[in-house]
Amino acid sequence: GYFYHMMRQCRYSSKDLQGIELITSYVFNQAENIRFNSTVGKFVGYTEHGVKNAEAWNKGPELAGELGVLERFCKHNADLHYST
């Protein structure tokens, strides 16, 4: 069988909302194919298939979707992170 996994991380480096970083990793069969890093501001491919998808996703609505996750999820929950 095949193994597919997507993981999102919000990294909080300071209480300033500008210091929040979103990292989304797409893994297929234990190899990371694509990563979105909000600091870089785009998808980066690590395999042949990942590079092709990253190029397409950077030109499509997927890029705006990931930036929306940063705003809706990471920044929205920053107060919860800092209060614990």
PDB file of N, CA and C in Angstrom:
ATOM      1  N   GLY A   1       0.798  -1.181   0.000  1.00  0.00           N
ATOM      2  CA  GLY A   1       0.000   0.000   0.000  1.00  0.00           C
ATOM      3  C   GLY A   1       0.848   1.255   0.000  1.00  0.00           C
ATOM      4  N   TYR A   2       0.177   2.348  -0.106  1.00  0.00           N
ATOM      5  CA  TYR A   2       0.831   3.651  -0.142  1.00  0.00           C
ATOM      6  C   TYR A   2       0.507   4.428   1.120  1.00  0.00           C
ATOM      7  N   PHE A   3       1.400   5.307   1.482  1.00  0.00           N
ATOM      8  CA  PHE A   3       1.247   6.115   2.673  1.00  0.00           C
ATOM      9  C   PHE A   3       1.305   7.578   2.275  1.00  0.00           C
ATOM     10  N   TYR A   4       0.246   8.337   2.585  1.00  0.00           N
ATOM     11  CA  TYR A   4       0.201   9.775   2.324  1.00  0.00           C
ATOM     12  C   TYR A   4      -0.090  10.489   3.628  1.00  0.00           C
ATOM     13  N   HIS A   5       0.630  11.555   3.870  1.00  0.00           N
ATOM     14  CA  HIS A   5       0.465  12.291   5.116  1.00  0.00           C
ATOM     15  C   HIS A   5       0.693  13.779   4.864  1.00  0.00           C
ATOM     16  N   MET A   6      -0.155  14.600   5.461  1.00  0.00           N
ATOM     17  CA  MET A   6       0.019  16.045   5.388  1.00  0.00           C
ATOM     18  C   MET A   6       0.053  16.566   6.819  1.00  0.00           C
ATOM     19  N   MET A   7       1.042  17.398   7.136  1.00  0.00           N
ATOM     20  CA  MET A   7       1.188  17.905   8.488  1.00  0.00           C
ATOM     21  C   MET A   7       1.364  19.421   8.456  1.00  0.00           C
ATOM     22  N   ARG A   8       0.616  20.110   9.323  1.00  0.00           N
ATOM     23  CA  ARG A   8       0.740  21.566   9.451  1.00  0.00           C
ATOM     24  C   ARG A   8       1.289  21.897  10.828  1.00  0.00           C
ATOM     25  N   GLN A   9       2.217  22.842  10.851  1.00  0.00           N
ATOM     26  CA  GLN A   9       2.795  23.311  12.106  1.00  0.00           C
ATOM     27  C   GLN A   9       2.753  24.832  12.137  1.00  0.00           C
ATOM     28  N   CYS A  10       2.360  25.368  13.263  1.00  0.00           N
ATOM     29  CA  CYS A  10       2.475  26.807  13.500  1.00  0.00           C
ATOM     30  C   CYS A  10       3.639  26.977  14.466  1.00  0.00           C
ATOM     31  N   ARG A  11       4.619  27.749  14.068  1.00  0.00           N
ATOM     32  CA  ARG A  11       5.768  28.003  14.932  1.00  0.00           C
ATOM     33  C   ARG A  11       5.701  29.443  15.410  1.00  0.00           C
ATOM     34  N   TYR A  12       5.729  29.588  16.718  1.00  0.00           N
ATOM     35  CA  TYR A  12       5.607  30.892  17.339  1.00  0.00           C
ATOM     36  C   TYR A  12       6.971  31.278  17.914  1.00  0.00           C
ATOM     37  N   SER A  13       7.616  32.282  17.351  1.00  0.00           N
ATOM     38  CA  SER A  13       8.946  32.679  17.810  1.00  0.00           C
ATOM     39  C   SER A  13       8.918  33.932  18.677  1.00  0.00           C
ATOM     40  N   SER A  14       7.843  34.690  18.607  1.00  0.00           N
ATOM     41  CA  SER A  14       7.703  35.886  19.441  1.00  0.00           C
ATOM     42  C   SER A  14       6.215  36.188  19.592  1.00  0.00           C
ATOM     43  N   LYS A  15       5.882  37.089  20.497  1.00  0.00           N
ATOM     44  CA  LYS A  15       4.479  37.439  20.693  1.00  0.00           C
ATOM     45  C   LYS A  15       3.957  38.327  19.574  1.00  0.00           C
ATOM     46  N   ASP A  16       4.838  38.825  18.760  1.00  0.00           N
ATOM     47  CA  ASP A  16       4.446  39.622  17.604  1.00  0.00           C
ATOM     48  C   ASP A  16       3.819  38.690  16.569  1.00  0.00           C
ATOM     49  N   LEU A  17       2.652  39.030  16.058  1.00  0.00           N
ATOM     50  CA  LEU A  17       1.972  38.174  15.078  1.00  0.00           C
ATOM     51  C   LEU A  17       2.771  38.019  13.794  1.00  0.00           C
ATOM     52  N   GLN A  18       3.707  38.913  13.542  1.00  0.00           N
ATOM     53  CA  GLN A  18       4.538  38.793  12.343  1.00  0.00           C
ATOM     54  C   GLN A  18       5.593  37.687  12.501  1.00  0.00           C
ATOM     55  N   GLY A  19       5.828  37.257  13.744  1.00  0.00           N
ATOM     56  CA  GLY A  19       6.821  36.225  14.001  1.00  0.00           C
ATOM     57  C   GLY A  19       6.273  34.812  13.915  1.00  0.00           C
ATOM     58  N   ILE A  20       5.064  34.648  13.434  1.00  0.00           N
ATOM     59  CA  ILE A  20       4.451  33.326  13.334  1.00  0.00           C
ATOM     60  C   ILE A  20       4.773  32.721  11.974  1.00  0.00           C
ATOM     61  N   GLU A  21       5.165  31.461  11.991  1.00  0.00           N
ATOM     62  CA  GLU A  21       5.547  30.760  10.763  1.00  0.00           C
ATOM     63  C   GLU A  21       4.656  29.527  10.600  1.00  0.00           C
ATOM     64  N   LEU A  22       4.122  29.348   9.409  1.00  0.00           N
ATOM     65  CA  LEU A  22       3.340  28.159   9.077  1.00  0.00           C
ATOM     66  C   LEU A  22       4.180  27.272   8.174  1.00  0.00           C
ATOM     67  N   ILE A  23       4.268  26.000   8.535  1.00  0.00           N
ATOM     68  CA  ILE A  23       4.960  25.022   7.702  1.00  0.00           C
ATOM     69  C   ILE A  23       3.990  23.879   7.440  1.00  0.00           C
ATOM     70  N   THR A  24       3.741  23.589   6.170  1.00  0.00           N
ATOM     71  CA  THR A  24       2.885  22.483   5.763  1.00  0.00           C
ATOM     72  C   THR A  24       3.725  21.520   4.940  1.00  0.00           C
ATOM     73  N   SER A  25       3.791  20.267   5.372  1.00  0.00           N
ATOM     74  CA  SER A  25       4.580  19.244   4.687  1.00  0.00           C
ATOM     75  C   SER A  25       3.657  18.191   4.095  1.00  0.00           C
ATOM     76  N   TYR A  26       3.952  17.790   2.868  1.00  0.00           N
ATOM     77  CA  TYR A  26       3.217  16.730   2.174  1.00  0.00           C
ATOM     78  C   TYR A  26       4.180  15.565   1.973  1.00  0.00           C
ATOM     79  N   VAL A  27       3.830  14.430   2.567  1.00  0.00           N
ATOM     80  CA  VAL A  27       4.715  13.262   2.578  1.00  0.00           C
ATOM     81  C   VAL A  27       4.034  12.110   1.850  1.00  0.00           C
ATOM     82  N   PHE A  28       4.785  11.448   0.988  1.00  0.00           N
ATOM     83  CA  PHE A  28       4.290  10.257   0.294  1.00  0.00           C
ATOM     84  C   PHE A  28       5.323   9.164   0.457  1.00  0.00           C
ATOM     85  N   ASN A  29       4.906   8.033   1.005  1.00  0.00           N
ATOM     86  CA  ASN A  29       5.789   6.888   1.269  1.00  0.00           C
ATOM     87  C   ASN A  29       7.054   7.299   2.024  1.00  0.00           C
ATOM     88  N   GLN A  30       6.872   8.045   3.088  1.00  0.00           N
ATOM     89  CA  GLN A  30       7.912   8.474   4.014  1.00  0.00           C
ATOM     90  C   GLN A  30       8.924   9.438   3.410  1.00  0.00           C
ATOM     91  N   ALA A  31       8.632  10.011   2.251  1.00  0.00           N
ATOM     92  CA  ALA A  31       9.513  11.015   1.635  1.00  0.00           C
ATOM     93  C   ALA A  31       8.727  12.316   1.492  1.00  0.00           C
ATOM     94  N   GLU A  32       9.287  13.387   2.011  1.00  0.00           N
ATOM     95  CA  GLU A  32       8.625  14.678   1.884  1.00  0.00           C
ATOM     96  C   GLU A  32       8.736  15.155   0.438  1.00  0.00           C
ATOM     97  N   ASN A  33       7.589  15.349  -0.185  1.00  0.00           N
ATOM     98  CA  ASN A  33       7.548  15.770  -1.586  1.00  0.00           C
ATOM     99  C   ASN A  33       7.498  17.285  -1.731  1.00  0.00           C
ATOM    100  N   ILE A  34       6.658  17.921  -0.906  1.00  0.00           N
ATOM    101  CA  ILE A  34       6.418  19.357  -1.032  1.00  0.00           C
ATOM    102  C   ILE A  34       6.332  19.953   0.357  1.00  0.00           C
ATOM    103  N   ARG A  35       6.826  21.185   0.477  1.00  0.00           N
ATOM    104  CA  ARG A  35       6.692  21.924   1.735  1.00  0.00           C
ATOM    105  C   ARG A  35       6.301  23.361   1.419  1.00  0.00           C
ATOM    106  N   PHE A  36       5.335  23.854   2.195  1.00  0.00           N
ATOM    107  CA  PHE A  36       5.010  25.272   2.161  1.00  0.00           C
ATOM    108  C   PHE A  36       5.556  25.890   3.427  1.00  0.00           C
ATOM    109  N   ASN A  37       6.292  26.972   3.288  1.00  0.00           N
ATOM    110  CA  ASN A  37       6.819  27.710   4.430  1.00  0.00           C
ATOM    111  C   ASN A  37       6.380  29.157   4.254  1.00  0.00           C
ATOM    112  N   SER A  38       5.641  29.687   5.221  1.00  0.00           N
ATOM    113  CA  SER A  38       5.117  31.045   5.083  1.00  0.00           C
ATOM    114  C   SER A  38       6.234  32.086   5.076  1.00  0.00           C
ATOM    115  N   THR A  39       7.380  31.772   5.661  1.00  0.00           N
ATOM    116  CA  THR A  39       8.505  32.697   5.623  1.00  0.00           C
ATOM    117  C   THR A  39       9.051  32.806   4.207  1.00  0.00           C
ATOM    118  N   VAL A  40       9.119  31.684   3.505  1.00  0.00           N
ATOM    119  CA  VAL A  40       9.563  31.671   2.104  1.00  0.00           C
ATOM    120  C   VAL A  40       8.451  32.223   1.218  1.00  0.00           C
ATOM    121  N   GLY A  41       7.203  31.912   1.570  1.00  0.00           N
ATOM    122  CA  GLY A  41       6.056  32.447   0.845  1.00  0.00           C
ATOM    123  C   GLY A  41       5.641  31.661  -0.370  1.00  0.00           C
ATOM    124  N   LYS A  42       6.102  30.411  -0.471  1.00  0.00           N
ATOM    125  CA  LYS A  42       5.731  29.584  -1.615  1.00  0.00           C
ATOM    126  C   LYS A  42       5.946  28.112  -1.286  1.00  0.00           C
ATOM    127  N   PHE A  43       5.434  27.264  -2.183  1.00  0.00           N
ATOM    128  CA  PHE A  43       5.658  25.818  -2.092  1.00  0.00           C
ATOM    129  C   PHE A  43       7.013  25.497  -2.695  1.00  0.00           C
ATOM    130  N   VAL A  44       7.711  24.539  -2.084  1.00  0.00           N
ATOM    131  CA  VAL A  44       9.003  24.079  -2.595  1.00  0.00           C
ATOM    132  C   VAL A  44       8.913  22.563  -2.743  1.00  0.00           C
ATOM    133  N   GLY A  45       9.293  22.055  -3.909  1.00  0.00           N
ATOM    134  CA  GLY A  45       9.280  20.618  -4.156  1.00  0.00           C
ATOM    135  C   GLY A  45      10.634  19.994  -3.892  1.00  0.00           C
ATOM    136  N   TYR A  46      10.618  18.769  -3.360  1.00  0.00           N
ATOM    137  CA  TYR A  46      11.858  18.067  -3.032  1.00  0.00           C
ATOM    138  C   TYR A  46      12.078  16.815  -3.873  1.00  0.00           C
ATOM    139  N   THR A  47      11.074  16.396  -4.608  1.00  0.00           N
ATOM    140  CA  THR A  47      11.199  15.259  -5.511  1.00  0.00           C
ATOM    141  C   THR A  47      10.778  15.729  -6.896  1.00  0.00           C
ATOM    142  N   GLU A  48      10.979  14.902  -7.899  1.00  0.00           N
ATOM    143  CA  GLU A  48      10.588  15.281  -9.254  1.00  0.00           C
ATOM    144  C   GLU A  48       9.091  15.590  -9.323  1.00  0.00           C
ATOM    145  N   HIS A  49       8.295  14.722  -8.750  1.00  0.00           N
ATOM    146  CA  HIS A  49       6.850  14.936  -8.724  1.00  0.00           C
ATOM    147  C   HIS A  49       6.510  16.174  -7.880  1.00  0.00           C
ATOM    148  N   GLY A  50       7.199  16.351  -6.749  1.00  0.00           N
ATOM    149  CA  GLY A  50       6.956  17.482  -5.871  1.00  0.00           C
ATOM    150  C   GLY A  50       7.281  18.819  -6.514  1.00  0.00           C
ATOM    151  N   VAL A  51       8.355  18.859  -7.301  1.00  0.00           N
ATOM    152  CA  VAL A  51       8.735  20.103  -7.982  1.00  0.00           C
ATOM    153  C   VAL A  51       7.655  20.513  -8.975  1.00  0.00           C
ATOM    154  N   LYS A  52       7.133  19.548  -9.722  1.00  0.00           N
ATOM    155  CA  LYS A  52       6.072  19.850 -10.695  1.00  0.00           C
ATOM    156  C   LYS A  52       4.815  20.364 -10.000  1.00  0.00           C
ATOM    157  N   ASN A  53       4.423  19.689  -8.918  1.00  0.00           N
ATOM    158  CA  ASN A  53       3.233  20.131  -8.188  1.00  0.00           C
ATOM    159  C   ASN A  53       3.456  21.490  -7.536  1.00  0.00           C
ATOM    160  N   ALA A  54       4.636  21.721  -6.970  1.00  0.00           N
ATOM    161  CA  ALA A  54       4.920  23.002  -6.316  1.00  0.00           C
ATOM    162  C   ALA A  54       4.821  24.148  -7.321  1.00  0.00           C
ATOM    163  N   GLU A  55       5.338  23.956  -8.518  1.00  0.00           N
ATOM    164  CA  GLU A  55       5.243  24.995  -9.552  1.00  0.00           C
ATOM    165  C   GLU A  55       3.789  25.306  -9.875  1.00  0.00           C
ATOM    166  N   ALA A  56       2.976  24.275 -10.006  1.00  0.00           N
ATOM    167  CA  ALA A  56       1.553  24.476 -10.316  1.00  0.00           C
ATOM    168  C   ALA A  56       0.825  25.121  -9.138  1.00  0.00           C
ATOM    169  N   TRP A  57       1.105  24.663  -7.929  1.00  0.00           N
ATOM    170  CA  TRP A  57       0.422  25.200  -6.757  1.00  0.00           C
ATOM    171  C   TRP A  57       0.794  26.657  -6.493  1.00  0.00           C
ATOM    172  N   ASN A  58       2.016  27.042  -6.827  1.00  0.00           N
ATOM    173  CA  ASN A  58       2.432  28.434  -6.635  1.00  0.00           C
ATOM    174  C   ASN A  58       1.722  29.378  -7.595  1.00  0.00           C
ATOM    175  N   LYS A  59       1.179  28.857  -8.675  1.00  0.00           N
ATOM    176  CA  LYS A  59       0.462  29.668  -9.661  1.00  0.00           C
ATOM    177  C   LYS A  59      -1.048  29.609  -9.473  1.00  0.00           C
ATOM    178  N   GLY A  60      -1.513  28.719  -8.611  1.00  0.00           N
ATOM    179  CA  GLY A  60      -2.951  28.498  -8.461  1.00  0.00           C
ATOM    180  C   GLY A  60      -3.487  28.966  -7.125  1.00  0.00           C
ATOM    181  N   PRO A  61      -4.724  28.595  -6.839  1.00  0.00           N
ATOM    182  CA  PRO A  61      -5.384  29.026  -5.598  1.00  0.00           C
ATOM    183  C   PRO A  61      -4.823  28.366  -4.339  1.00  0.00           C
ATOM    184  N   GLU A  62      -4.022  27.338  -4.496  1.00  0.00           N
ATOM    185  CA  GLU A  62      -3.454  26.645  -3.334  1.00  0.00           C
ATOM    186  C   GLU A  62      -2.562  27.577  -2.506  1.00  0.00           C
ATOM    187  N   LEU A  63      -1.837  28.465  -3.167  1.00  0.00           N
ATOM    188  CA  LEU A  63      -0.953  29.395  -2.459  1.00  0.00           C
ATOM    189  C   LEU A  63      -1.763  30.327  -1.558  1.00  0.00           C
ATOM    190  N   ALA A  64      -2.826  30.898  -2.088  1.00  0.00           N
ATOM    191  CA  ALA A  64      -3.685  31.776  -1.289  1.00  0.00           C
ATOM    192  C   ALA A  64      -4.340  30.985  -0.158  1.00  0.00           C
ATOM    193  N   GLY A  65      -4.651  29.728  -0.400  1.00  0.00           N
ATOM    194  CA  GLY A  65      -5.243  28.883   0.633  1.00  0.00           C
ATOM    195  C   GLY A  65      -4.316  28.692   1.817  1.00  0.00           C
ATOM    196  N   GLU A  66      -3.045  28.448   1.547  1.00  0.00           N
ATOM    197  CA  GLU A  66      -2.079  28.270   2.637  1.00  0.00           C
ATOM    198  C   GLU A  66      -1.873  29.565   3.408  1.00  0.00           C
ATOM    199  N   LEU A  67      -1.826  30.678   2.716  1.00  0.00           N
ATOM    200  CA  LEU A  67      -1.697  31.965   3.403  1.00  0.00           C
ATOM    201  C   LEU A  67      -2.933  32.244   4.250  1.00  0.00           C
ATOM    202  N   GLY A  68      -4.082  31.765   3.796  1.00  0.00           N
ATOM    203  CA  GLY A  68      -5.310  31.882   4.583  1.00  0.00           C
ATOM    204  C   GLY A  68      -5.249  31.056   5.853  1.00  0.00           C
ATOM    205  N   VAL A  69      -4.626  29.880   5.788  1.00  0.00           N
ATOM    206  CA  VAL A  69      -4.468  29.032   6.974  1.00  0.00           C
ATOM    207  C   VAL A  69      -3.613  29.767   8.007  1.00  0.00           C
ATOM    208  N   LEU A  70      -2.585  30.449   7.545  1.00  0.00           N
ATOM    209  CA  LEU A  70      -1.735  31.219   8.456  1.00  0.00           C
ATOM    210  C   LEU A  70      -2.576  32.244   9.212  1.00  0.00           C
ATOM    211  N   GLU A  71      -3.432  32.953   8.505  1.00  0.00           N
ATOM    212  CA  GLU A  71      -4.271  33.979   9.135  1.00  0.00           C
ATOM    213  C   GLU A  71      -5.370  33.365  10.008  1.00  0.00           C
ATOM    214  N   ARG A  72      -6.100  32.385   9.458  1.00  0.00           N
ATOM    215  CA  ARG A  72      -7.261  31.820  10.152  1.00  0.00           C
ATOM    216  C   ARG A  72      -6.903  30.923  11.323  1.00  0.00           C
ATOM    217  N   PHE A  73      -5.839  30.167  11.202  1.00  0.00           N
ATOM    218  CA  PHE A  73      -5.524  29.168  12.214  1.00  0.00           C
ATOM    219  C   PHE A  73      -4.375  29.605  13.123  1.00  0.00           C
ATOM    220  N   CYS A  74      -3.217  29.877  12.541  1.00  0.00           N
ATOM    221  CA  CYS A  74      -2.038  30.176  13.362  1.00  0.00           C
ATOM    222  C   CYS A  74      -2.193  31.489  14.127  1.00  0.00           C
ATOM    223  N   LYS A  75      -2.516  32.556  13.424  1.00  0.00           N
ATOM    224  CA  LYS A  75      -2.628  33.853  14.093  1.00  0.00           C
ATOM    225  C   LYS A  75      -3.836  33.896  15.017  1.00  0.00           C
ATOM    226  N   HIS A  76      -4.900  33.242  14.620  1.00  0.00           N
ATOM    227  CA  HIS A  76      -6.119  33.209  15.440  1.00  0.00           C
ATOM    228  C   HIS A  76      -5.864  32.507  16.774  1.00  0.00           C
ATOM    229  N   ASN A  77      -5.025  31.483  16.775  1.00  0.00           N
ATOM    230  CA  ASN A  77      -4.768  30.702  17.981  1.00  0.00           C
ATOM    231  C   ASN A  77      -3.507  31.139  18.736  1.00  0.00           C
ATOM    232  N   ALA A  78      -2.893  32.231  18.342  1.00  0.00           N
ATOM    233  CA  ALA A  78      -1.657  32.676  18.995  1.00  0.00           C
ATOM    234  C   ALA A  78      -1.872  32.960  20.471  1.00  0.00           C
ATOM    235  N   ASP A  79      -2.996  33.563  20.832  1.00  0.00           N
ATOM    236  CA  ASP A  79      -3.277  33.850  22.242  1.00  0.00           C
ATOM    237  C   ASP A  79      -3.320  32.575  23.066  1.00  0.00           C
ATOM    238  N   LEU A  80      -3.902  31.513  22.520  1.00  0.00           N
ATOM    239  CA  LEU A  80      -3.941  30.222  23.228  1.00  0.00           C
ATOM    240  C   LEU A  80      -2.527  29.683  23.450  1.00  0.00           C
ATOM    241  N   HIS A  81      -1.691  29.813  22.425  1.00  0.00           N
ATOM    242  CA  HIS A  81      -0.322  29.319  22.526  1.00  0.00           C
ATOM    243  C   HIS A  81       0.454  30.069  23.620  1.00  0.00           C
ATOM    244  N   TYR A  82       0.334  31.378  23.628  1.00  0.00           N
ATOM    245  CA  TYR A  82       1.096  32.185  24.568  1.00  0.00           C
ATOM    246  C   TYR A  82       0.544  32.122  25.990  1.00  0.00           C
ATOM    247  N   SER A  83      -0.715  31.738  26.154  1.00  0.00           N
ATOM    248  CA  SER A  83      -1.291  31.675  27.492  1.00  0.00           C
ATOM    249  C   SER A  83      -0.924  30.390  28.234  1.00  0.00           C
ATOM    250  N   THR A  84      -0.415  29.391  27.523  1.00  0.00           N
ATOM    251  CA  THR A  84      -0.052  28.126  28.181  1.00  0.00           C
ATOM    252  C   THR A  84       1.400  28.067  28.547  1.00  0.00           C
TER     253      THR A  84
END
